[in-house]
Amino acid sequence: MSARGSAFVPHDLAAPIPGAAQGPLAGLTCAIKDMYAIAGERTGAGNPEWLATHPRETSTAPSVQKLLDAGATVIGKTVCDEFFFSVTGANAHYGTPINPRAPGRLPGGSSSGSASATAAGACDFALGSDTGGSVRIPASLCGLYGLRPTLGRVDLAGAMAMAPSFDTGGWFACGPGLMRKVGAVLLLGAGERVRINRLLVAADSFAQADPEAAAAGERVLRRAVQVLPAPERVAISPEGFDAWRQCFRAIQGREIWEIYGAWIQENRPGLGPGVRERIDYAATVTAEEAASARRIQAEARARVRGLVEPGTILALPTAPSIAPTIAVSQAALDHFRARVMALTCVAGLSGLPQITLPAGTVDGCPVGLSFIAWEGGDEALLDLAVTLAPYCGQ
């Protein structure tokens, strides 16, 4: 199967949905992660049994409608990891979307099909979602730009939830100018437009990544020294990331089970490897454990927001490594996921926006560099991506 074909679900649109004749996105095409409602279609969440037990949608999700109203044509619905509960991009039912920029390797998830379609040139941009890294990680592994917005700045009405404490919309594109154009359509409110005047480099986050992946991000920062504030190295979590990662995992598990647990118990769906074990764990998280985790989250949120004040950006690697191979063992994938969460939990726990840029390649495979900004600093990050484009991807 081609990269383009592997990105889309078997229950795809019968025909593209044309956008408005005029608008800021007129003439552009987009793909939609199979979690957003499209009137007349069924939403599958990466699981064929969920698809079979739910009716066709009666209305279109507001974020999708905004894209159509702005002129974008929706060309199809993309594959995602089951119930969005993975960062690998593998789907045991629909197949794993091809990573066009790193053949033979995973695309990253859970917005795997959206990233694959964009990287393959099947669409100009694609809509995904990000809870624990589901836009940031596939963007990094597929060599794309991707944004996890400030919590609440993209309308998720009509989109299936995973863990509402962390769920955000997000999108991919091959270029930063288009990322910014899509942001002007999707982002709610005016944001907090402040000039970037301080750059923090998360030394402990860079230490979480493979040396080659970390070095690619550091090279971008050195090349862009003329357009960035003088870097200051800091430790985001002086006690390490284990407690933050575990509290994120507990809250996420508790919330996904509250949403899907009853349906899973009633229908006993066949779940793919990795997802099945995480769902089993989610069923065990008690209210007391979740409450304890939320106290740790509050401390983490205060710490990160105390560092990333308006005007300050925080640099860190997007993913800890290049994409794992498709044939990698489940144990190796679990290790990869744990390393990913140490990086992605920072924006998740704090609710702050994070953009990932294609920093370059390691052994021919893409790696990403990220920046986290203050609440409402999404537009500043999108502008930053445009400024840094000449220094990326080398």
Protein backbone atom coordinates (compact mmCIF):
# COMPACT_ATOMS: atom_id res chain seq x y z
CA MET A 1 0.00 0.00 0.00
CA SER A 2 1.21 3.51 -0.75
CA ALA A 3 1.94 6.05 1.95
CA ARG A 4 -1.12 8.00 0.83
CA GLY A 5 -3.40 4.99 0.96
CA SER A 6 -2.17 3.75 4.34
CA ALA A 7 -3.09 7.00 6.06
CA PHE A 8 -6.86 6.77 5.52
CA VAL A 9 -9.48 4.58 7.23
CA PRO A 10 -11.39 1.87 5.33
CA HIS A 11 -14.63 3.73 6.11
CA ASP A 12 -13.32 6.87 4.43
CA LEU A 13 -15.39 9.60 2.79
CA ALA A 14 -17.00 8.54 -0.48
CA ALA A 15 -15.89 11.86 -1.96
CA PRO A 16 -14.07 14.98 -0.74
CA ILE A 17 -16.14 17.63 1.03
CA PRO A 18 -15.51 20.92 -0.78
CA GLY A 19 -14.79 24.03 1.24
CA ALA A 20 -16.14 27.50 0.67
CA ALA A 21 -15.19 29.13 -2.62
CA GLN A 22 -13.44 31.97 -0.80
CA GLY A 23 -11.57 32.23 2.46
CA PRO A 24 -8.07 32.16 3.93
CA LEU A 25 -7.73 28.42 3.22
CA ALA A 26 -9.43 28.38 -0.18
CA GLY A 27 -7.80 25.96 -2.59
CA LEU A 28 -6.11 23.96 0.17
CA THR A 29 -6.85 20.37 1.19
CA CYS A 30 -6.93 18.83 4.64
CA ALA A 31 -7.37 15.42 6.24
CA ILE A 32 -9.23 14.81 9.50
CA LYS A 33 -8.32 12.41 12.31
CA ASP A 34 -11.05 9.80 12.78
CA MET A 35 -12.21 11.28 16.07
CA TYR A 36 -13.95 14.42 14.76
CA ALA A 37 -17.60 14.19 13.78
CA ILE A 38 -18.46 14.70 10.11
CA ALA A 39 -22.17 14.79 9.33
CA GLY A 40 -23.37 11.59 7.66
CA GLU A 41 -20.19 9.67 8.56
CA ARG A 42 -19.32 7.35 11.42
CA THR A 43 -16.46 8.10 13.79
CA GLY A 44 -14.24 5.12 14.57
CA ALA A 45 -11.60 6.08 17.19
CA GLY A 46 -9.26 3.53 15.64
CA ASN A 47 -11.41 0.57 16.66
CA PRO A 48 -13.77 -1.26 14.26
CA GLU A 49 -16.07 -2.44 17.06
CA TRP A 50 -16.61 1.12 18.24
CA LEU A 51 -17.37 2.03 14.65
CA ALA A 52 -19.89 -0.81 14.31
CA THR A 53 -21.79 0.05 17.51
CA HIS A 54 -22.26 3.76 16.85
CA PRO A 55 -24.53 5.60 14.40
CA ARG A 56 -23.64 8.10 11.74
CA GLU A 57 -23.00 11.63 12.94
CA THR A 58 -25.82 14.14 12.61
CA SER A 59 -23.59 17.22 12.59
CA THR A 60 -20.01 18.23 11.87
CA ALA A 61 -17.55 19.16 14.60
CA PRO A 62 -17.16 22.96 14.81
CA SER A 63 -13.40 22.83 14.18
CA VAL A 64 -13.92 20.85 10.99
CA GLN A 65 -16.69 23.21 9.93
CA LYS A 66 -14.39 26.18 10.52
CA LEU A 67 -11.88 24.70 8.12
CA LEU A 68 -14.58 24.13 5.49
CA ASP A 69 -15.97 27.63 5.96
CA ALA A 70 -12.44 29.02 5.53
CA GLY A 71 -12.22 27.31 2.14
CA ALA A 72 -10.34 24.07 2.89
CA THR A 73 -11.56 20.89 1.19
CA VAL A 74 -11.68 17.83 3.44
CA ILE A 75 -10.30 14.90 1.47
CA GLY A 76 -10.59 12.09 4.00
CA LYS A 77 -10.58 10.60 7.49
CA THR A 78 -7.28 9.34 8.84
CA VAL A 79 -6.21 6.31 10.85
CA CYS A 80 -5.38 6.80 14.52
CA ASP A 81 -4.27 4.62 17.42
CA GLU A 82 -7.15 2.92 19.23
CA PHE A 83 -8.94 5.32 21.56
CA PHE A 84 -5.92 7.64 21.01
CA PHE A 85 -4.06 5.67 23.70
CA SER A 86 -0.59 5.39 22.14
CA VAL A 87 2.24 7.46 20.71
CA THR A 88 3.57 4.80 18.33
CA GLY A 89 1.10 5.06 15.43
CA ALA A 90 0.56 1.30 15.16
CA ASN A 91 -3.01 0.11 14.66
CA ALA A 92 -3.67 -3.63 14.89
CA HIS A 93 -6.94 -3.37 12.93
CA TYR A 94 -6.34 -0.88 10.13
CA GLY A 95 -2.60 -1.22 9.73
CA THR A 96 0.15 1.21 10.58
CA PRO A 97 0.29 4.31 8.37
CA ILE A 98 3.56 4.57 6.47
CA ASN A 99 6.11 7.11 7.62
CA PRO A 100 7.04 8.70 4.27
CA ARG A 101 10.11 10.42 5.71
CA ALA A 102 11.46 7.29 7.46
CA PRO A 103 10.31 4.19 5.56
CA GLY A 104 10.24 1.05 7.67
CA ARG A 105 9.77 3.06 10.85
CA LEU A 106 6.71 4.00 12.88
CA PRO A 107 4.94 7.29 12.13
CA GLY A 108 4.14 8.12 15.76
CA GLY A 109 0.65 8.46 17.17
CA SER A 110 -2.05 8.73 17.95
CA SER A 111 -2.57 11.18 15.05
CA SER A 112 -0.58 8.82 12.83
CA GLY A 113 -2.68 8.96 9.67
CA SER A 114 -2.89 12.75 9.74
CA ALA A 115 0.89 13.03 9.97
CA SER A 116 1.43 10.36 7.31
CA ALA A 117 -0.97 12.00 4.87
CA THR A 118 0.68 15.40 5.33
CA ALA A 119 4.21 14.06 4.97
CA ALA A 120 3.20 12.10 1.86
CA GLY A 121 1.73 15.19 0.20
CA ALA A 122 -1.77 13.72 0.15
CA CYS A 123 -3.08 16.93 1.73
CA ASP A 124 -1.79 20.39 2.49
CA PHE A 125 -2.41 20.08 6.22
CA ALA A 126 -4.20 17.76 8.61
CA LEU A 127 -6.20 17.99 11.81
CA GLY A 128 -5.23 15.82 14.76
CA SER A 129 -5.38 15.94 18.52
CA ASP A 130 -2.81 15.93 21.31
CA THR A 131 -3.30 14.58 24.82
CA GLY A 132 0.05 13.03 25.70
CA GLY A 133 1.97 13.88 22.54
CA SER A 134 -0.34 12.77 19.73
CA VAL A 135 0.51 15.69 17.43
CA ARG A 136 4.01 16.49 18.71
CA ILE A 137 5.44 12.98 18.41
CA PRO A 138 4.21 12.11 14.88
CA ALA A 139 5.26 15.57 13.72
CA SER A 140 8.76 14.93 15.06
CA LEU A 141 9.04 11.42 13.64
CA CYS A 142 7.64 12.42 10.23
CA GLY A 143 9.61 15.66 9.84
CA LEU A 144 6.64 18.03 10.10
CA TYR A 145 5.56 21.17 11.88
CA GLY A 146 2.94 20.47 14.54
CA LEU A 147 1.19 22.45 17.27
CA ARG A 148 -0.34 21.41 20.56
CA PRO A 149 -2.32 24.57 21.42
CA THR A 150 -3.00 26.06 24.82
CA LEU A 151 -5.57 23.88 26.58
CA GLY A 152 -9.02 25.05 25.45
CA ARG A 153 -7.96 27.19 22.48
CA VAL A 154 -9.25 24.77 19.83
CA ASP A 155 -12.93 23.81 19.98
CA LEU A 156 -13.24 20.09 20.74
CA ALA A 157 -17.03 19.94 20.60
CA GLY A 158 -17.94 17.08 18.30
CA ALA A 159 -14.59 15.38 18.89
CA MET A 160 -14.20 12.19 20.87
CA ALA A 161 -12.51 12.76 24.21
CA MET A 162 -9.65 10.84 25.75
CA ALA A 163 -8.58 12.65 28.93
CA PRO A 164 -10.27 16.06 29.05
CA SER A 165 -7.75 17.45 31.55
CA PHE A 166 -5.16 17.26 28.76
CA ASP A 167 -7.04 16.99 25.44
CA THR A 168 -6.28 19.60 22.80
CA GLY A 169 -6.84 19.93 19.09
CA GLY A 170 -3.80 20.32 16.88
CA TRP A 171 -2.61 20.27 13.29
CA PHE A 172 0.27 19.41 10.99
CA ALA A 173 1.79 21.06 7.93
CA CYS A 174 5.01 20.83 5.97
CA GLY A 175 5.64 24.56 6.24
CA PRO A 176 5.33 27.17 9.01
CA GLY A 177 3.43 29.72 6.93
CA LEU A 178 0.54 27.33 6.47
CA MET A 179 0.67 26.39 10.15
CA ARG A 180 0.09 30.05 10.95
CA LYS A 181 -2.77 30.39 8.44
CA VAL A 182 -4.57 27.40 9.95
CA GLY A 183 -4.02 28.82 13.43
CA ALA A 184 -5.80 32.01 12.47
CA VAL A 185 -8.84 29.90 11.61
CA LEU A 186 -8.85 27.41 14.49
CA LEU A 187 -7.56 29.25 17.56
CA LEU A 188 -10.22 30.68 19.84
CA GLY A 189 -9.84 34.17 21.24
CA ALA A 190 -7.06 36.67 20.63
CA GLY A 191 -4.38 34.91 22.63
CA GLU A 192 -1.79 36.84 24.62
CA ARG A 193 0.45 38.51 22.09
CA VAL A 194 3.73 39.32 23.81
CA ARG A 195 7.13 39.73 22.19
CA ILE A 196 9.52 36.87 22.92
CA ASN A 197 12.38 38.29 25.00
CA ARG A 198 13.72 35.29 26.93
CA LEU A 199 14.84 31.79 25.88
CA LEU A 200 15.16 29.00 28.42
CA VAL A 201 16.81 25.75 27.35
CA ALA A 202 15.55 22.75 29.34
CA ALA A 203 18.82 21.01 30.11
CA ASP A 204 17.12 18.13 31.92
CA SER A 205 14.79 17.54 28.97
CA PHE A 206 17.70 17.50 26.52
CA ALA A 207 19.32 14.91 28.79
CA GLN A 208 16.28 12.65 28.27
CA ALA A 209 16.95 12.37 24.53
CA ASP A 210 19.49 10.32 22.61
CA PRO A 211 22.67 12.38 22.18
CA GLU A 212 22.21 12.60 18.39
CA ALA A 213 18.60 13.79 18.68
CA ALA A 214 19.52 16.34 21.34
CA ALA A 215 22.44 17.58 19.24
CA ALA A 216 20.16 18.22 16.25
CA GLY A 217 18.01 20.53 18.36
CA GLU A 218 21.03 22.26 19.86
CA ARG A 219 22.38 22.94 16.35
CA VAL A 220 19.18 24.80 15.44
CA LEU A 221 19.52 26.95 18.54
CA ARG A 222 23.14 27.78 17.68
CA ARG A 223 22.37 28.57 14.04
CA ALA A 224 19.48 30.83 15.04
CA VAL A 225 21.45 32.80 17.62
CA GLN A 226 20.88 36.06 15.72
CA VAL A 227 17.09 35.80 15.91
CA LEU A 228 16.68 34.30 19.40
CA PRO A 229 17.28 35.77 22.85
CA ALA A 230 20.48 34.65 24.59
CA PRO A 231 19.83 31.10 25.89
CA GLU A 232 19.67 30.34 29.60
CA ARG A 233 19.95 26.70 30.65
CA VAL A 234 17.49 25.58 33.34
CA ALA A 235 16.17 22.41 34.94
CA ILE A 236 12.41 22.13 34.51
CA SER A 237 12.01 19.40 37.12
CA PRO A 238 15.00 19.33 39.48
CA GLU A 239 13.72 16.14 41.13
CA GLY A 240 13.41 14.33 37.79
CA PHE A 241 10.44 13.55 35.57
CA ASP A 242 9.27 10.23 37.02
CA ALA A 243 6.68 11.73 39.38
CA TRP A 244 5.33 14.03 36.65
CA ARG A 245 5.11 11.21 34.14
CA GLN A 246 3.37 8.90 36.60
CA CYS A 247 0.84 11.53 37.69
CA PHE A 248 0.02 12.26 34.04
CA ARG A 249 -0.44 8.52 33.45
CA ALA A 250 -2.77 8.14 36.43
CA ILE A 251 -5.00 11.11 35.54
CA GLN A 252 -5.12 10.08 31.90
CA GLY A 253 -5.98 6.50 32.85
CA ARG A 254 -8.70 7.50 35.27
CA GLU A 255 -10.34 9.83 32.74
CA ILE A 256 -10.25 7.49 29.75
CA TRP A 257 -11.79 4.71 31.84
CA GLU A 258 -14.54 7.04 33.07
CA ILE A 259 -15.40 7.80 29.42
CA TYR A 260 -15.03 4.38 27.77
CA GLY A 261 -14.96 1.86 30.60
CA ALA A 262 -18.65 0.96 30.54
CA TRP A 263 -18.63 0.45 26.77
CA ILE A 264 -15.48 -1.67 26.97
CA GLN A 265 -16.95 -3.85 29.72
CA GLU A 266 -20.16 -4.34 27.77
CA ASN A 267 -18.63 -4.97 24.33
CA ARG A 268 -15.29 -6.61 25.19
CA PRO A 269 -13.62 -5.25 22.05
CA GLY A 270 -10.46 -6.76 20.66
CA LEU A 271 -7.75 -4.27 21.47
CA GLY A 272 -4.31 -4.26 19.94
CA PRO A 273 -1.11 -4.97 21.88
CA GLY A 274 -0.01 -2.14 24.10
CA VAL A 275 -3.41 -0.45 24.02
CA ARG A 276 -5.00 -3.46 25.71
CA GLU A 277 -2.52 -3.34 28.58
CA ARG A 278 -2.94 0.40 29.05
CA ILE A 279 -6.72 0.07 29.13
CA ASP A 280 -6.32 -2.70 31.73
CA TYR A 281 -4.19 -0.33 33.81
CA ALA A 282 -6.69 2.51 33.38
CA ALA A 283 -9.40 0.32 34.91
CA THR A 284 -7.36 0.02 38.11
CA VAL A 285 -6.75 3.72 38.83
CA THR A 286 -8.74 4.66 41.93
CA ALA A 287 -10.29 8.02 42.73
CA GLU A 288 -7.77 8.41 45.56
CA GLU A 289 -4.84 7.75 43.22
CA ALA A 290 -6.21 10.25 40.71
CA ALA A 291 -6.66 12.87 43.44
CA SER A 292 -3.10 12.37 44.62
CA ALA A 293 -1.91 12.67 41.02
CA ARG A 294 -3.79 15.95 40.61
CA ARG A 295 -1.91 17.40 43.57
CA ILE A 296 1.35 16.57 41.85
CA GLN A 297 -0.01 18.06 38.65
CA ALA A 298 -0.80 21.31 40.46
CA GLU A 299 2.81 21.50 41.65
CA ALA A 300 4.15 20.76 38.17
CA ARG A 301 1.81 23.30 36.60
CA ALA A 302 2.95 25.98 39.03
CA ARG A 303 6.61 25.14 38.39
CA VAL A 304 6.37 25.28 34.59
CA ARG A 305 4.16 28.35 34.47
CA GLY A 306 6.49 30.07 36.92
CA LEU A 307 9.34 29.54 34.45
CA VAL A 308 7.43 30.27 31.24
CA GLU A 309 6.04 33.71 31.93
CA PRO A 310 4.69 35.87 29.08
CA GLY A 311 7.58 36.67 26.76
CA THR A 312 9.54 33.53 27.72
CA ILE A 313 9.89 30.38 25.61
CA LEU A 314 11.28 27.03 26.69
CA ALA A 315 13.26 24.85 24.26
CA LEU A 316 13.32 21.05 24.52
CA PRO A 317 13.55 18.01 22.24
CA THR A 318 10.18 16.89 20.91
CA ALA A 319 10.88 13.16 21.00
CA PRO A 320 13.73 11.25 22.64
CA SER A 321 14.90 9.60 19.44
CA ILE A 322 14.19 8.94 15.81
CA ALA A 323 11.19 6.73 15.00
CA PRO A 324 11.47 3.11 16.17
CA THR A 325 11.37 0.48 13.45
CA ILE A 326 8.05 -1.15 12.65
CA ALA A 327 9.41 -4.53 13.75
CA VAL A 328 10.50 -3.32 17.20
CA SER A 329 9.43 -5.43 20.20
CA GLN A 330 6.55 -4.47 22.48
CA ALA A 331 9.00 -4.11 25.38
CA ALA A 332 11.06 -1.64 23.35
CA LEU A 333 7.90 0.29 22.45
CA ASP A 334 6.92 0.50 26.11
CA HIS A 335 10.36 1.92 26.88
CA PHE A 336 10.02 4.41 24.02
CA ARG A 337 6.62 5.50 25.31
CA ALA A 338 7.99 6.06 28.84
CA ARG A 339 10.80 8.21 27.45
CA VAL A 340 8.33 10.15 25.31
CA MET A 341 6.10 10.92 28.27
CA ALA A 342 8.99 12.43 30.22
CA LEU A 343 9.20 15.05 27.47
CA THR A 344 5.56 15.53 26.54
CA CYS A 345 4.13 15.68 30.07
CA VAL A 346 5.60 19.17 30.58
CA ALA A 347 3.11 20.92 28.28
CA GLY A 348 0.36 18.44 29.15
CA LEU A 349 0.48 19.03 32.89
CA SER A 350 0.89 22.79 32.53
CA GLY A 351 -1.74 23.28 29.82
CA LEU A 352 0.68 25.42 27.80
CA PRO A 353 1.15 25.47 24.01
CA GLN A 354 4.03 23.63 22.36
CA ILE A 355 5.17 23.77 18.76
CA THR A 356 7.54 21.28 17.15
CA LEU A 357 9.78 22.13 14.22
CA PRO A 358 11.75 19.74 11.97
CA ALA A 359 15.22 20.19 13.45
CA GLY A 360 17.07 17.92 11.03
CA THR A 361 17.83 14.23 10.62
CA VAL A 362 19.74 11.49 12.40
CA ASP A 363 20.75 8.56 10.20
CA GLY A 364 18.38 9.96 7.57
CA CYS A 365 15.39 10.03 9.94
CA PRO A 366 13.67 13.22 11.17
CA VAL A 367 13.96 14.64 14.68
CA GLY A 368 12.09 17.60 16.12
CA LEU A 369 12.86 20.60 18.30
CA SER A 370 10.08 22.08 20.42
CA PHE A 371 9.27 25.35 22.10
CA ILE A 372 6.73 25.83 24.91
CA ALA A 373 5.21 29.28 25.44
CA TRP A 374 2.96 30.95 27.96
CA GLU A 375 -0.82 30.49 28.12
CA GLY A 376 -2.26 32.04 24.97
CA GLY A 377 1.19 32.26 23.38
CA ASP A 378 0.15 30.08 20.44
CA GLU A 379 0.41 32.88 17.89
CA ALA A 380 3.87 33.77 19.16
CA LEU A 381 4.96 30.16 18.61
CA LEU A 382 3.52 30.13 15.10
CA ASP A 383 5.36 33.37 14.31
CA LEU A 384 8.52 31.87 15.82
CA ALA A 385 8.24 28.85 13.53
CA VAL A 386 8.23 31.16 10.51
CA THR A 387 11.27 33.05 11.85
CA LEU A 388 13.22 29.86 12.55
CA ALA A 389 12.37 28.06 9.29
CA PRO A 390 15.65 29.02 7.56
CA TYR A 391 17.59 27.40 10.40
CA CYS A 392 15.63 24.13 10.53
CA GLY A 393 15.87 20.85 8.69
CA GLN A 394 19.60 21.01 7.99
